[in-house]
Amino acid sequence: MLTADHPPADAIYRRWPNRLALGIAAHGHLATTVHPPDTGTLRGDVLEWLREANRY
């Protein structure tokens, strides 16, 4: 069963030829839309960044 949250793989690969290209595009999007957290520690920053990315 397909849902709006999970498009079929062929629709994704029409725009990006492989996972690397998709990952690069996602990174470019996140780098311009998500502001890096500043929790005071690298571990805290990474955890907060992952939580923020997971909300999307």
Protein backbone atom coordinates (compact mmCIF):
# COMPACT_ATOMS: atom_id res chain seq x y z
CA MET A 1 0.00 0.00 0.00
CA LEU A 2 1.37 3.40 -0.97
CA THR A 3 0.78 6.52 1.05
CA ALA A 4 1.54 10.17 0.46
CA ASP A 5 4.34 9.86 3.04
CA HIS A 6 6.11 7.13 1.10
CA PRO A 7 6.29 7.70 -2.66
CA PRO A 8 7.23 4.72 -4.84
CA ALA A 9 10.94 4.21 -5.44
CA ASP A 10 10.64 4.71 -9.20
CA ALA A 11 9.26 8.22 -8.61
CA ILE A 12 12.29 9.06 -6.48
CA TYR A 13 14.79 7.62 -8.96
CA ARG A 14 13.25 9.62 -11.82
CA ARG A 15 14.60 12.74 -10.14
CA TRP A 16 17.78 11.34 -8.54
CA PRO A 17 19.67 8.54 -10.33
CA ASN A 18 20.97 6.89 -7.16
CA ARG A 19 21.13 7.12 -3.36
CA LEU A 20 24.29 9.24 -3.41
CA ALA A 21 22.63 11.91 -5.55
CA LEU A 22 19.56 11.83 -3.29
CA GLY A 23 21.75 12.17 -0.19
CA ILE A 24 23.65 15.11 -1.68
CA ALA A 25 20.38 16.84 -2.58
CA ALA A 26 18.98 16.22 0.92
CA HIS A 27 22.13 17.58 2.54
CA GLY A 28 21.98 20.68 0.35
CA HIS A 29 18.37 21.24 1.36
CA LEU A 30 18.98 20.70 5.07
CA ALA A 31 22.10 22.87 5.02
CA THR A 32 20.03 25.83 3.86
CA THR A 33 16.89 25.23 5.95
CA VAL A 34 18.08 23.86 9.30
CA HIS A 35 20.10 26.09 11.57
CA PRO A 36 22.86 24.26 13.47
CA PRO A 37 22.13 23.91 17.19
CA ASP A 38 24.53 25.16 19.84
CA THR A 39 24.10 23.07 22.98
CA GLY A 40 27.66 23.51 24.17
CA THR A 41 28.86 20.00 23.29
CA LEU A 42 29.42 18.21 20.01
CA ARG A 43 27.34 15.24 21.21
CA GLY A 44 24.47 17.50 22.18
CA ASP A 45 24.66 19.37 18.88
CA VAL A 46 24.56 16.17 16.83
CA LEU A 47 21.67 14.73 18.86
CA GLU A 48 19.66 17.94 18.55
CA TRP A 49 20.41 18.18 14.82
CA LEU A 50 19.17 14.59 14.32
CA ARG A 51 16.03 15.29 16.36
CA GLU A 52 15.34 18.38 14.25
CA ALA A 53 15.92 16.50 10.99
CA ASN A 54 13.63 13.68 12.19
CA ARG A 55 10.74 16.14 12.59
CA TYR A 56 10.59 16.51 8.82
